[in-house]
PDB file of N, CA and C in Angstrom:
ATOM      1  N   MET A   1      14.861  26.037   3.246  1.00  0.00           N
ATOM      2  CA  MET A   1      15.637  24.868   3.622  1.00  0.00           C
ATOM      3  C   MET A   1      15.416  24.579   5.104  1.00  0.00           C
ATOM      4  N   SER A   2      15.281  23.325   5.422  1.00  0.00           N
ATOM      5  CA  SER A   2      15.032  22.914   6.794  1.00  0.00           C
ATOM      6  C   SER A   2      16.293  23.051   7.641  1.00  0.00           C
ATOM      7  N   THR A   3      16.090  23.328   8.905  1.00  0.00           N
ATOM      8  CA  THR A   3      17.216  23.398   9.830  1.00  0.00           C
ATOM      9  C   THR A   3      17.377  22.099  10.605  1.00  0.00           C
ATOM     10  N   LEU A   4      16.596  21.087  10.242  1.00  0.00           N
ATOM     11  CA  LEU A   4      16.688  19.803  10.925  1.00  0.00           C
ATOM     12  C   LEU A   4      18.003  19.115  10.589  1.00  0.00           C
ATOM     13  N   THR A   5      18.516  18.401  11.561  1.00  0.00           N
ATOM     14  CA  THR A   5      19.677  17.553  11.317  1.00  0.00           C
ATOM     15  C   THR A   5      19.356  16.167  11.850  1.00  0.00           C
ATOM     16  N   PHE A   6      19.931  15.168  11.221  1.00  0.00           N
ATOM     17  CA  PHE A   6      19.716  13.797  11.643  1.00  0.00           C
ATOM     18  C   PHE A   6      21.034  13.220  12.123  1.00  0.00           C
ATOM     19  N   SER A   7      20.946  12.344  13.098  1.00  0.00           N
ATOM     20  CA  SER A   7      22.146  11.660  13.570  1.00  0.00           C
ATOM     21  C   SER A   7      22.652  10.734  12.465  1.00  0.00           C
ATOM     22  N   GLN A   8      23.853  10.236  12.608  1.00  0.00           N
ATOM     23  CA  GLN A   8      24.410   9.318  11.618  1.00  0.00           C
ATOM     24  C   GLN A   8      23.516   8.095  11.443  1.00  0.00           C
ATOM     25  N   SER A   9      22.923   7.631  12.516  1.00  0.00           N
ATOM     26  CA  SER A   9      22.013   6.489  12.475  1.00  0.00           C
ATOM     27  C   SER A   9      20.666   6.921  13.038  1.00  0.00           C
ATOM     28  N   PRO A  10      19.821   7.482  12.185  1.00  0.00           N
ATOM     29  CA  PRO A  10      18.531   7.982  12.667  1.00  0.00           C
ATOM     30  C   PRO A  10      17.709   6.886  13.343  1.00  0.00           C
ATOM     31  N   LYS A  11      16.963   7.297  14.346  1.00  0.00           N
ATOM     32  CA  LYS A  11      16.031   6.386  15.008  1.00  0.00           C
ATOM     33  C   LYS A  11      14.763   6.337  14.166  1.00  0.00           C
ATOM     34  N   ILE A  12      14.353   5.129  13.825  1.00  0.00           N
ATOM     35  CA  ILE A  12      13.190   4.923  12.964  1.00  0.00           C
ATOM     36  C   ILE A  12      12.134   4.148  13.730  1.00  0.00           C
ATOM     37  N   VAL A  13      10.889   4.580  13.592  1.00  0.00           N
ATOM     38  CA  VAL A  13       9.774   3.756  14.036  1.00  0.00           C
ATOM     39  C   VAL A  13       9.075   3.298  12.758  1.00  0.00           C
ATOM     40  N   LEU A  14       8.853   1.997  12.659  1.00  0.00           N
ATOM     41  CA  LEU A  14       8.329   1.362  11.457  1.00  0.00           C
ATOM     42  C   LEU A  14       7.026   0.662  11.777  1.00  0.00           C
ATOM     43  N   GLY A  15       5.981   0.997  11.040  1.00  0.00           N
ATOM     44  CA  GLY A  15       4.694   0.333  11.186  1.00  0.00           C
ATOM     45  C   GLY A  15       4.234  -0.191   9.839  1.00  0.00           C
ATOM     46  N   SER A  16       3.430  -1.229   9.870  1.00  0.00           N
ATOM     47  CA  SER A  16       3.037  -1.881   8.626  1.00  0.00           C
ATOM     48  C   SER A  16       1.662  -2.507   8.727  1.00  0.00           C
ATOM     49  N   ASP A  17       1.091  -2.777   7.569  1.00  0.00           N
ATOM     50  CA  ASP A  17      -0.145  -3.548   7.494  1.00  0.00           C
ATOM     51  C   ASP A  17       0.169  -5.015   7.190  1.00  0.00           C
ATOM     52  N   ASN A  18       1.454  -5.361   7.142  1.00  0.00           N
ATOM     53  CA  ASN A  18       1.888  -6.702   6.784  1.00  0.00           C
ATOM     54  C   ASN A  18       3.053  -7.107   7.694  1.00  0.00           C
ATOM     55  N   GLN A  19       2.777  -7.806   8.755  1.00  0.00           N
ATOM     56  CA  GLN A  19       3.809  -8.140   9.732  1.00  0.00           C
ATOM     57  C   GLN A  19       4.908  -9.039   9.174  1.00  0.00           C
ATOM     58  N   HIS A  20       4.595  -9.836   8.181  1.00  0.00           N
ATOM     59  CA  HIS A  20       5.634 -10.678   7.572  1.00  0.00           C
ATOM     60  C   HIS A  20       6.653  -9.805   6.841  1.00  0.00           C
ATOM     61  N   PHE A  21       6.175  -8.865   6.056  1.00  0.00           N
ATOM     62  CA  PHE A  21       7.084  -8.017   5.283  1.00  0.00           C
ATOM     63  C   PHE A  21       7.849  -7.051   6.178  1.00  0.00           C
ATOM     64  N   VAL A  22       7.231  -6.564   7.232  1.00  0.00           N
ATOM     65  CA  VAL A  22       7.887  -5.579   8.092  1.00  0.00           C
ATOM     66  C   VAL A  22       9.154  -6.163   8.709  1.00  0.00           C
ATOM     67  N   SER A  23       9.180  -7.444   8.930  1.00  0.00           N
ATOM     68  CA  SER A  23      10.375  -8.088   9.468  1.00  0.00           C
ATOM     69  C   SER A  23      11.544  -7.969   8.491  1.00  0.00           C
ATOM     70  N   ALA A  24      11.279  -8.178   7.218  1.00  0.00           N
ATOM     71  CA  ALA A  24      12.328  -8.064   6.201  1.00  0.00           C
ATOM     72  C   ALA A  24      12.821  -6.625   6.089  1.00  0.00           C
ATOM     73  N   VAL A  25      11.911  -5.668   6.165  1.00  0.00           N
ATOM     74  CA  VAL A  25      12.279  -4.250   6.100  1.00  0.00           C
ATOM     75  C   VAL A  25      13.142  -3.885   7.300  1.00  0.00           C
ATOM     76  N   SER A  26      12.706  -4.284   8.467  1.00  0.00           N
ATOM     77  CA  SER A  26      13.445  -3.993   9.689  1.00  0.00           C
ATOM     78  C   SER A  26      14.858  -4.573   9.625  1.00  0.00           C
ATOM     79  N   THR A  27      14.966  -5.801   9.181  1.00  0.00           N
ATOM     80  CA  THR A  27      16.272  -6.453   9.068  1.00  0.00           C
ATOM     81  C   THR A  27      17.177  -5.708   8.097  1.00  0.00           C
ATOM     82  N   ALA A  28      16.653  -5.315   6.948  1.00  0.00           N
ATOM     83  CA  ALA A  28      17.457  -4.594   5.947  1.00  0.00           C
ATOM     84  C   ALA A  28      17.956  -3.265   6.503  1.00  0.00           C
ATOM     85  N   LEU A  29      17.103  -2.559   7.216  1.00  0.00           N
ATOM     86  CA  LEU A  29      17.492  -1.268   7.782  1.00  0.00           C
ATOM     87  C   LEU A  29      18.505  -1.438   8.916  1.00  0.00           C
ATOM     88  N   LEU A  30      18.306  -2.441   9.750  1.00  0.00           N
ATOM     89  CA  LEU A  30      19.262  -2.712  10.829  1.00  0.00           C
ATOM     90  C   LEU A  30      20.639  -3.059  10.267  1.00  0.00           C
ATOM     91  N   LYS A  31      20.678  -3.898   9.233  1.00  0.00           N
ATOM     92  CA  LYS A  31      21.952  -4.272   8.611  1.00  0.00           C
ATOM     93  C   LYS A  31      22.657  -3.065   8.008  1.00  0.00           C
ATOM     94  N   ALA A  32      21.861  -2.069   7.597  1.00  0.00           N
ATOM     95  CA  ALA A  32      22.427  -0.859   6.990  1.00  0.00           C
ATOM     96  C   ALA A  32      22.831   0.169   8.044  1.00  0.00           C
ATOM     97  N   GLY A  33      22.657  -0.174   9.327  1.00  0.00           N
ATOM     98  CA  GLY A  33      23.116   0.708  10.391  1.00  0.00           C
ATOM     99  C   GLY A  33      22.069   1.624  11.000  1.00  0.00           C
ATOM    100  N   PHE A  34      20.830   1.491  10.595  1.00  0.00           N
ATOM    101  CA  PHE A  34      19.768   2.294  11.193  1.00  0.00           C
ATOM    102  C   PHE A  34      19.311   1.660  12.513  1.00  0.00           C
ATOM    103  N   HIS A  35      18.782   2.474  13.398  1.00  0.00           N
ATOM    104  CA  HIS A  35      18.156   1.992  14.625  1.00  0.00           C
ATOM    105  C   HIS A  35      16.658   1.925  14.352  1.00  0.00           C
ATOM    106  N   VAL A  36      16.069   0.730  14.463  1.00  0.00           N
ATOM    107  CA  VAL A  36      14.677   0.527  14.076  1.00  0.00           C
ATOM    108  C   VAL A  36      13.870  -0.033  15.239  1.00  0.00           C
ATOM    109  N   GLU A  37      12.741   0.595  15.490  1.00  0.00           N
ATOM    110  CA  GLU A  37      11.762   0.065  16.433  1.00  0.00           C
ATOM    111  C   GLU A  37      10.529  -0.290  15.620  1.00  0.00           C
ATOM    112  N   THR A  38      10.069  -1.512  15.757  1.00  0.00           N
ATOM    113  CA  THR A  38       8.966  -1.999  14.938  1.00  0.00           C
ATOM    114  C   THR A  38       7.663  -1.991  15.717  1.00  0.00           C
ATOM    115  N   ALA A  39       6.645  -1.403  15.099  1.00  0.00           N
ATOM    116  CA  ALA A  39       5.307  -1.362  15.678  1.00  0.00           C
ATOM    117  C   ALA A  39       4.476  -2.505  15.097  1.00  0.00           C
ATOM    118  N   THR A  40       3.473  -2.923  15.846  1.00  0.00           N
ATOM    119  CA  THR A  40       2.623  -4.017  15.376  1.00  0.00           C
ATOM    120  C   THR A  40       1.592  -3.553  14.351  1.00  0.00           C
ATOM    121  N   ASN A  41       1.277  -2.260  14.343  1.00  0.00           N
ATOM    122  CA  ASN A  41       0.339  -1.689  13.379  1.00  0.00           C
ATOM    123  C   ASN A  41       0.497  -0.166  13.406  1.00  0.00           C
ATOM    124  N   TYR A  42      -0.314   0.535  12.656  1.00  0.00           N
ATOM    125  CA  TYR A  42      -0.167   1.991  12.587  1.00  0.00           C
ATOM    126  C   TYR A  42      -0.518   2.679  13.906  1.00  0.00           C
ATOM    127  N   SER A  43      -1.499   2.177  14.622  1.00  0.00           N
ATOM    128  CA  SER A  43      -1.852   2.766  15.924  1.00  0.00           C
ATOM    129  C   SER A  43      -0.706   2.600  16.919  1.00  0.00           C
ATOM    130  N   HIS A  44      -0.121   1.422  16.918  1.00  0.00           N
ATOM    131  CA  HIS A  44       1.013   1.165  17.795  1.00  0.00           C
ATOM    132  C   HIS A  44       2.195   2.052  17.408  1.00  0.00           C
ATOM    133  N   LEU A  45       2.380   2.296  16.112  1.00  0.00           N
ATOM    134  CA  LEU A  45       3.432   3.194  15.641  1.00  0.00           C
ATOM    135  C   LEU A  45       3.259   4.570  16.281  1.00  0.00           C
ATOM    136  N   GLU A  46       2.032   5.076  16.295  1.00  0.00           N
ATOM    137  CA  GLU A  46       1.773   6.387  16.906  1.00  0.00           C
ATOM    138  C   GLU A  46       2.110   6.383  18.397  1.00  0.00           C
ATOM    139  N   GLU A  47       1.761   5.310  19.086  1.00  0.00           N
ATOM    140  CA  GLU A  47       2.072   5.201  20.514  1.00  0.00           C
ATOM    141  C   GLU A  47       3.580   5.238  20.752  1.00  0.00           C
ATOM    142  N   LEU A  48       4.320   4.465  19.962  1.00  0.00           N
ATOM    143  CA  LEU A  48       5.774   4.440  20.109  1.00  0.00           C
ATOM    144  C   LEU A  48       6.374   5.808  19.795  1.00  0.00           C
ATOM    145  N   TRP A  49       5.871   6.469  18.764  1.00  0.00           N
ATOM    146  CA  TRP A  49       6.370   7.793  18.396  1.00  0.00           C
ATOM    147  C   TRP A  49       6.111   8.792  19.531  1.00  0.00           C
ATOM    148  N   GLN A  50       4.952   8.703  20.163  1.00  0.00           N
ATOM    149  CA  GLN A  50       4.638   9.595  21.285  1.00  0.00           C
ATOM    150  C   GLN A  50       5.659   9.450  22.400  1.00  0.00           C
ATOM    151  N   GLN A  51       6.129   8.233  22.615  1.00  0.00           N
ATOM    152  CA  GLN A  51       7.067   7.969  23.699  1.00  0.00           C
ATOM    153  C   GLN A  51       8.482   8.450  23.395  1.00  0.00           C
ATOM    154  N   LEU A  52       8.952   8.270  22.155  1.00  0.00           N
ATOM    155  CA  LEU A  52      10.365   8.508  21.858  1.00  0.00           C
ATOM    156  C   LEU A  52      10.649   9.566  20.793  1.00  0.00           C
ATOM    157  N   ARG A  53       9.642   9.993  20.061  1.00  0.00           N
ATOM    158  CA  ARG A  53       9.840  10.993  18.998  1.00  0.00           C
ATOM    159  C   ARG A  53      11.023  10.628  18.111  1.00  0.00           C
ATOM    160  N   HIS A  54      10.885   9.557  17.393  1.00  0.00           N
ATOM    161  CA  HIS A  54      11.913   9.050  16.490  1.00  0.00           C
ATOM    162  C   HIS A  54      12.248  10.083  15.413  1.00  0.00           C
ATOM    163  N   ASP A  55      13.429   9.977  14.831  1.00  0.00           N
ATOM    164  CA  ASP A  55      13.833  10.864  13.744  1.00  0.00           C
ATOM    165  C   ASP A  55      12.996  10.634  12.492  1.00  0.00           C
ATOM    166  N   VAL A  56      12.644   9.366  12.257  1.00  0.00           N
ATOM    167  CA  VAL A  56      11.920   8.979  11.050  1.00  0.00           C
ATOM    168  C   VAL A  56      10.723   8.127  11.426  1.00  0.00           C
ATOM    169  N   VAL A  57       9.571   8.470  10.844  1.00  0.00           N
ATOM    170  CA  VAL A  57       8.377   7.641  10.964  1.00  0.00           C
ATOM    171  C   VAL A  57       8.179   7.002   9.595  1.00  0.00           C
ATOM    172  N   LEU A  58       8.160   5.680   9.568  1.00  0.00           N
ATOM    173  CA  LEU A  58       8.103   4.937   8.315  1.00  0.00           C
ATOM    174  C   LEU A  58       6.870   4.045   8.299  1.00  0.00           C
ATOM    175  N   PHE A  59       5.997   4.309   7.334  1.00  0.00           N
ATOM    176  CA  PHE A  59       4.775   3.531   7.149  1.00  0.00           C
ATOM    177  C   PHE A  59       4.964   2.607   5.962  1.00  0.00           C
ATOM    178  N   GLU A  60       4.876   1.303   6.187  1.00  0.00           N
ATOM    179  CA  GLU A  60       4.899   0.347   5.089  1.00  0.00           C
ATOM    180  C   GLU A  60       3.439   0.099   4.711  1.00  0.00           C
ATOM    181  N   VAL A  61       3.117   0.295   3.426  1.00  0.00           N
ATOM    182  CA  VAL A  61       1.748   0.143   2.934  1.00  0.00           C
ATOM    183  C   VAL A  61       1.767  -0.884   1.810  1.00  0.00           C
ATOM    184  N   SER A  62       1.170  -2.050   2.064  1.00  0.00           N
ATOM    185  CA  SER A  62       1.249  -3.119   1.073  1.00  0.00           C
ATOM    186  C   SER A  62      -0.026  -3.326   0.272  1.00  0.00           C
ATOM    187  N   HIS A  63      -1.139  -2.727   0.690  1.00  0.00           N
ATOM    188  CA  HIS A  63      -2.347  -2.875  -0.127  1.00  0.00           C
ATOM    189  C   HIS A  63      -3.213  -1.617  -0.044  1.00  0.00           C
ATOM    190  N   PRO A  64      -4.045  -1.397  -1.066  1.00  0.00           N
ATOM    191  CA  PRO A  64      -4.822  -0.156  -1.159  1.00  0.00           C
ATOM    192  C   PRO A  64      -5.692   0.139   0.055  1.00  0.00           C
ATOM    193  N   GLY A  65      -6.184  -0.883   0.707  1.00  0.00           N
ATOM    194  CA  GLY A  65      -7.046  -0.674   1.864  1.00  0.00           C
ATOM    195  C   GLY A  65      -6.335  -0.032   3.043  1.00  0.00           C
ATOM    196  N   SER A  66      -5.029   0.000   3.023  1.00  0.00           N
ATOM    197  CA  SER A  66      -4.264   0.581   4.126  1.00  0.00           C
ATOM    198  C   SER A  66      -3.862   2.031   3.903  1.00  0.00           C
ATOM    199  N   VAL A  67      -4.058   2.537   2.691  1.00  0.00           N
ATOM    200  CA  VAL A  67      -3.640   3.909   2.380  1.00  0.00           C
ATOM    201  C   VAL A  67      -4.304   4.910   3.316  1.00  0.00           C
ATOM    202  N   GLU A  68      -5.593   4.793   3.484  1.00  0.00           N
ATOM    203  CA  GLU A  68      -6.318   5.750   4.324  1.00  0.00           C
ATOM    204  C   GLU A  68      -5.869   5.673   5.783  1.00  0.00           C
ATOM    205  N   LEU A  69      -5.714   4.473   6.308  1.00  0.00           N
ATOM    206  CA  LEU A  69      -5.263   4.317   7.693  1.00  0.00           C
ATOM    207  C   LEU A  69      -3.872   4.908   7.898  1.00  0.00           C
ATOM    208  N   ALA A  70      -2.971   4.646   6.958  1.00  0.00           N
ATOM    209  CA  ALA A  70      -1.607   5.159   7.075  1.00  0.00           C
ATOM    210  C   ALA A  70      -1.585   6.684   6.990  1.00  0.00           C
ATOM    211  N   THR A  71      -2.319   7.256   6.050  1.00  0.00           N
ATOM    212  CA  THR A  71      -2.294   8.717   5.902  1.00  0.00           C
ATOM    213  C   THR A  71      -2.961   9.405   7.082  1.00  0.00           C
ATOM    214  N   GLU A  72      -4.018   8.821   7.621  1.00  0.00           N
ATOM    215  CA  GLU A  72      -4.655   9.412   8.806  1.00  0.00           C
ATOM    216  C   GLU A  72      -3.679   9.422   9.981  1.00  0.00           C
ATOM    217  N   SER A  73      -2.974   8.332  10.157  1.00  0.00           N
ATOM    218  CA  SER A  73      -1.985   8.251  11.228  1.00  0.00           C
ATOM    219  C   SER A  73      -0.873   9.273  11.008  1.00  0.00           C
ATOM    220  N   ALA A  74      -0.393   9.373   9.775  1.00  0.00           N
ATOM    221  CA  ALA A  74       0.666  10.338   9.456  1.00  0.00           C
ATOM    222  C   ALA A  74       0.207  11.769   9.717  1.00  0.00           C
ATOM    223  N   LEU A  75      -1.011  12.075   9.340  1.00  0.00           N
ATOM    224  CA  LEU A  75      -1.527  13.434   9.559  1.00  0.00           C
ATOM    225  C   LEU A  75      -1.663  13.757  11.046  1.00  0.00           C
ATOM    226  N   ARG A  76      -2.052  12.771  11.851  1.00  0.00           N
ATOM    227  CA  ARG A  76      -2.121  13.012  13.298  1.00  0.00           C
ATOM    228  C   ARG A  76      -0.734  13.351  13.849  1.00  0.00           C
ATOM    229  N   ILE A  77       0.276  12.647  13.373  1.00  0.00           N
ATOM    230  CA  ILE A  77       1.647  12.926  13.821  1.00  0.00           C
ATOM    231  C   ILE A  77       2.090  14.303  13.342  1.00  0.00           C
ATOM    232  N   LYS A  78       1.841  14.623  12.082  1.00  0.00           N
ATOM    233  CA  LYS A  78       2.248  15.927  11.530  1.00  0.00           C
ATOM    234  C   LYS A  78       1.558  17.087  12.257  1.00  0.00           C
ATOM    235  N   ARG A  79       0.320  16.882  12.703  1.00  0.00           N
ATOM    236  CA  ARG A  79      -0.376  17.939  13.445  1.00  0.00           C
ATOM    237  C   ARG A  79       0.331  18.233  14.769  1.00  0.00           C
ATOM    238  N   GLN A  80       0.953  17.223  15.343  1.00  0.00           N
ATOM    239  CA  GLN A  80       1.674  17.404  16.602  1.00  0.00           C
ATOM    240  C   GLN A  80       3.087  17.921  16.385  1.00  0.00           C
ATOM    241  N   ASP A  81       3.685  17.573  15.238  1.00  0.00           N
ATOM    242  CA  ASP A  81       5.052  17.997  14.942  1.00  0.00           C
ATOM    243  C   ASP A  81       5.207  18.113  13.427  1.00  0.00           C
ATOM    244  N   ALA A  82       5.012  19.315  12.920  1.00  0.00           N
ATOM    245  CA  ALA A  82       5.045  19.546  11.476  1.00  0.00           C
ATOM    246  C   ALA A  82       6.408  19.243  10.865  1.00  0.00           C
ATOM    247  N   GLN A  83       7.469  19.249  11.665  1.00  0.00           N
ATOM    248  CA  GLN A  83       8.813  18.976  11.156  1.00  0.00           C
ATOM    249  C   GLN A  83       9.169  17.491  11.129  1.00  0.00           C
ATOM    250  N   GLN A  84       8.299  16.647  11.679  1.00  0.00           N
ATOM    251  CA  GLN A  84       8.581  15.214  11.729  1.00  0.00           C
ATOM    252  C   GLN A  84       8.738  14.653  10.317  1.00  0.00           C
ATOM    253  N   PHE A  85       9.821  13.904  10.089  1.00  0.00           N
ATOM    254  CA  PHE A  85      10.038  13.271   8.796  1.00  0.00           C
ATOM    255  C   PHE A  85       9.185  12.013   8.714  1.00  0.00           C
ATOM    256  N   ILE A  86       8.282  11.984   7.731  1.00  0.00           N
ATOM    257  CA  ILE A  86       7.393  10.842   7.525  1.00  0.00           C
ATOM    258  C   ILE A  86       7.590  10.319   6.117  1.00  0.00           C
ATOM    259  N   ALA A  87       7.810   9.014   6.024  1.00  0.00           N
ATOM    260  CA  ALA A  87       7.978   8.377   4.722  1.00  0.00           C
ATOM    261  C   ALA A  87       7.102   7.135   4.649  1.00  0.00           C
ATOM    262  N   TYR A  88       6.790   6.759   3.426  1.00  0.00           N
ATOM    263  CA  TYR A  88       6.004   5.558   3.164  1.00  0.00           C
ATOM    264  C   TYR A  88       6.828   4.597   2.326  1.00  0.00           C
ATOM    265  N   LEU A  89       6.611   3.328   2.547  1.00  0.00           N
ATOM    266  CA  LEU A  89       7.126   2.278   1.678  1.00  0.00           C
ATOM    267  C   LEU A  89       5.926   1.742   0.923  1.00  0.00           C
ATOM    268  N   ALA A  90       5.944   1.859  -0.397  1.00  0.00           N
ATOM    269  CA  ALA A  90       4.789   1.432  -1.178  1.00  0.00           C
ATOM    270  C   ALA A  90       5.226   0.990  -2.562  1.00  0.00           C
ATOM    271  N   ASP A  91       4.489   0.039  -3.123  1.00  0.00           N
ATOM    272  CA  ASP A  91       4.729  -0.373  -4.498  1.00  0.00           C
ATOM    273  C   ASP A  91       4.309   0.764  -5.423  1.00  0.00           C
ATOM    274  N   GLU A  92       4.821   0.739  -6.646  1.00  0.00           N
ATOM    275  CA  GLU A  92       4.506   1.797  -7.606  1.00  0.00           C
ATOM    276  C   GLU A  92       3.007   1.989  -7.778  1.00  0.00           C
ATOM    277  N   SER A  93       2.246   0.907  -7.732  1.00  0.00           N
ATOM    278  CA  SER A  93       0.798   1.006  -7.939  1.00  0.00           C
ATOM    279  C   SER A  93       0.112   1.827  -6.847  1.00  0.00           C
ATOM    280  N   LEU A  94       0.737   1.949  -5.687  1.00  0.00           N
ATOM    281  CA  LEU A  94       0.144   2.711  -4.582  1.00  0.00           C
ATOM    282  C   LEU A  94       0.758   4.097  -4.411  1.00  0.00           C
ATOM    283  N   GLN A  95       1.821   4.391  -5.118  1.00  0.00           N
ATOM    284  CA  GLN A  95       2.531   5.644  -4.888  1.00  0.00           C
ATOM    285  C   GLN A  95       1.742   6.871  -5.296  1.00  0.00           C
ATOM    286  N   MET A  96       0.747   6.725  -6.128  1.00  0.00           N
ATOM    287  CA  MET A  96      -0.084   7.858  -6.534  1.00  0.00           C
ATOM    288  C   MET A  96      -1.487   7.771  -5.926  1.00  0.00           C
ATOM    289  N   SER A  97      -1.623   7.079  -4.820  1.00  0.00           N
ATOM    290  CA  SER A  97      -2.940   6.805  -4.244  1.00  0.00           C
ATOM    291  C   SER A  97      -3.327   7.738  -3.105  1.00  0.00           C
ATOM    292  N   GLY A  98      -2.639   8.855  -2.952  1.00  0.00           N
ATOM    293  CA  GLY A  98      -2.997   9.808  -1.910  1.00  0.00           C
ATOM    294  C   GLY A  98      -2.100   9.780  -0.692  1.00  0.00           C
ATOM    295  N   LEU A  99      -0.994   9.052  -0.751  1.00  0.00           N
ATOM    296  CA  LEU A  99      -0.055   9.048   0.365  1.00  0.00           C
ATOM    297  C   LEU A  99       0.578  10.430   0.476  1.00  0.00           C
ATOM    298  N   THR A 100       0.560  10.990   1.672  1.00  0.00           N
ATOM    299  CA  THR A 100       1.121  12.327   1.868  1.00  0.00           C
ATOM    300  C   THR A 100       2.198  12.266   2.939  1.00  0.00           C
ATOM    301  N   GLY A 101       3.360  12.768   2.613  1.00  0.00           N
ATOM    302  CA  GLY A 101       4.465  12.753   3.556  1.00  0.00           C
ATOM    303  C   GLY A 101       5.693  13.379   2.928  1.00  0.00           C
ATOM    304  N   ASP A 102       6.834  13.135   3.524  1.00  0.00           N
ATOM    305  CA  ASP A 102       8.085  13.708   3.044  1.00  0.00           C
ATOM    306  C   ASP A 102       8.734  12.866   1.955  1.00  0.00           C
ATOM    307  N   ALA A 103       8.418  11.578   1.914  1.00  0.00           N
ATOM    308  CA  ALA A 103       8.998  10.702   0.893  1.00  0.00           C
ATOM    309  C   ALA A 103       8.125   9.461   0.727  1.00  0.00           C
ATOM    310  N   ILE A 104       8.109   8.955  -0.498  1.00  0.00           N
ATOM    311  CA  ILE A 104       7.491   7.668  -0.790  1.00  0.00           C
ATOM    312  C   ILE A 104       8.584   6.827  -1.417  1.00  0.00           C
ATOM    313  N   LEU A 105       8.919   5.737  -0.761  1.00  0.00           N
ATOM    314  CA  LEU A 105      10.054   4.905  -1.154  1.00  0.00           C
ATOM    315  C   LEU A 105       9.580   3.534  -1.598  1.00  0.00           C
ATOM    316  N   SER A 106      10.411   2.883  -2.378  1.00  0.00           N
ATOM    317  CA  SER A 106      10.124   1.533  -2.840  1.00  0.00           C
ATOM    318  C   SER A 106      10.160   0.553  -1.664  1.00  0.00           C
ATOM    319  N   ARG A 107       9.374  -0.489  -1.763  1.00  0.00           N
ATOM    320  CA  ARG A 107       9.371  -1.544  -0.753  1.00  0.00           C
ATOM    321  C   ARG A 107      10.516  -2.537  -0.988  1.00  0.00           C
ATOM    322  N   ASP A 108      11.308  -2.338  -2.021  1.00  0.00           N
ATOM    323  CA  ASP A 108      12.431  -3.224  -2.341  1.00  0.00           C
ATOM    324  C   ASP A 108      13.501  -3.065  -1.267  1.00  0.00           C
ATOM    325  N   THR A 109      13.692  -4.085  -0.456  1.00  0.00           N
ATOM    326  CA  THR A 109      14.633  -3.996   0.665  1.00  0.00           C
ATOM    327  C   THR A 109      16.090  -3.904   0.213  1.00  0.00           C
ATOM    328  N   ASN A 110      16.372  -4.220  -1.047  1.00  0.00           N
ATOM    329  CA  ASN A 110      17.736  -4.106  -1.560  1.00  0.00           C
ATOM    330  C   ASN A 110      18.148  -2.655  -1.786  1.00  0.00           C
ATOM    331  N   ILE A 111      17.201  -1.807  -2.115  1.00  0.00           N
ATOM    332  CA  ILE A 111      17.519  -0.400  -2.392  1.00  0.00           C
ATOM    333  C   ILE A 111      17.015   0.550  -1.313  1.00  0.00           C
ATOM    334  N   LEU A 112      16.204   0.046  -0.405  1.00  0.00           N
ATOM    335  CA  LEU A 112      15.592   0.896   0.618  1.00  0.00           C
ATOM    336  C   LEU A 112      16.590   1.674   1.471  1.00  0.00           C
ATOM    337  N   PRO A 113      17.611   1.051   2.053  1.00  0.00           N
ATOM    338  CA  PRO A 113      18.500   1.834   2.928  1.00  0.00           C
ATOM    339  C   PRO A 113      19.116   3.048   2.228  1.00  0.00           C
ATOM    340  N   GLN A 114      19.591   2.854   1.006  1.00  0.00           N
ATOM    341  CA  GLN A 114      20.200   3.968   0.286  1.00  0.00           C
ATOM    342  C   GLN A 114      19.150   5.011  -0.105  1.00  0.00           C
ATOM    343  N   ALA A 115      17.978   4.563  -0.502  1.00  0.00           N
ATOM    344  CA  ALA A 115      16.903   5.502  -0.862  1.00  0.00           C
ATOM    345  C   ALA A 115      16.482   6.330   0.350  1.00  0.00           C
ATOM    346  N   LEU A 116      16.435   5.712   1.507  1.00  0.00           N
ATOM    347  CA  LEU A 116      16.089   6.445   2.727  1.00  0.00           C
ATOM    348  C   LEU A 116      17.172   7.453   3.079  1.00  0.00           C
ATOM    349  N   ARG A 117      18.416   7.048   2.988  1.00  0.00           N
ATOM    350  CA  ARG A 117      19.513   7.997   3.244  1.00  0.00           C
ATOM    351  C   ARG A 117      19.434   9.198   2.309  1.00  0.00           C
ATOM    352  N   LYS A 118      19.151   8.940   1.051  1.00  0.00           N
ATOM    353  CA  LYS A 118      19.037  10.019   0.062  1.00  0.00           C
ATOM    354  C   LYS A 118      17.885  10.951   0.413  1.00  0.00           C
ATOM    355  N   ALA A 119      16.744  10.394   0.775  1.00  0.00           N
ATOM    356  CA  ALA A 119      15.582  11.222   1.144  1.00  0.00           C
ATOM    357  C   ALA A 119      15.881  12.073   2.380  1.00  0.00           C
ATOM    358  N   LEU A 120      16.573  11.497   3.341  1.00  0.00           N
ATOM    359  CA  LEU A 120      16.938  12.253   4.551  1.00  0.00           C
ATOM    360  C   LEU A 120      17.930  13.356   4.214  1.00  0.00           C
ATOM    361  N   TYR A 121      18.886  13.048   3.373  1.00  0.00           N
ATOM    362  CA  TYR A 121      19.895  14.049   2.985  1.00  0.00           C
ATOM    363  C   TYR A 121      19.220  15.220   2.259  1.00  0.00           C
ATOM    364  N   GLU A 122      18.293  14.895   1.369  1.00  0.00           N
ATOM    365  CA  GLU A 122      17.592  15.947   0.619  1.00  0.00           C
ATOM    366  C   GLU A 122      16.729  16.809   1.526  1.00  0.00           C
ATOM    367  N   ARG A 123      16.329  16.266   2.639  1.00  0.00           N
ATOM    368  CA  ARG A 123      15.494  17.009   3.593  1.00  0.00           C
ATOM    369  C   ARG A 123      16.292  18.063   4.353  1.00  0.00           C
ATOM    370  N   LEU A 124      17.591  17.821   4.521  1.00  0.00           N
ATOM    371  CA  LEU A 124      18.442  18.749   5.284  1.00  0.00           C
ATOM    372  C   LEU A 124      18.577  20.086   4.615  1.00  0.00           C
TER     373      LEU A 124
END
C-alpha cells in the first residue's frame, strides 16, 4: 500500500493532443473543486510538472497517433519520480492501446471528477 496522501483538492497538470477538448476537461475539474493547470501539449506538461510537481499528471489522449507521445512523456516523468500519480483520459477504443500509468479514465466530463477521485482514493 502506498504511503502517499493527496490534499483535498489535488493539484493537477493537464496536457492534451486536442486543445478544444482540454478546455472542457479543465472546466469540469475546476467546477468539481480540483486545482488545474493546463499545458499546451505533452512537452509543455512535462515543463510545468518540473516546476511544480503536481499531485496528478493527467494526459488527455484523443487519437491513436498520440498514444506513443503521451506514454513516452509519462515514462520520462515516472523515471524522475516513480510515485507520481499519472492518469490518462481516453476513449474505450484507446484504453487497450499501450497506455501505461496509474489510471485510465473516461473522457466523459460528466463522470470524470468522480472517477478521478475514486482512482486517487484507491491509490492511497
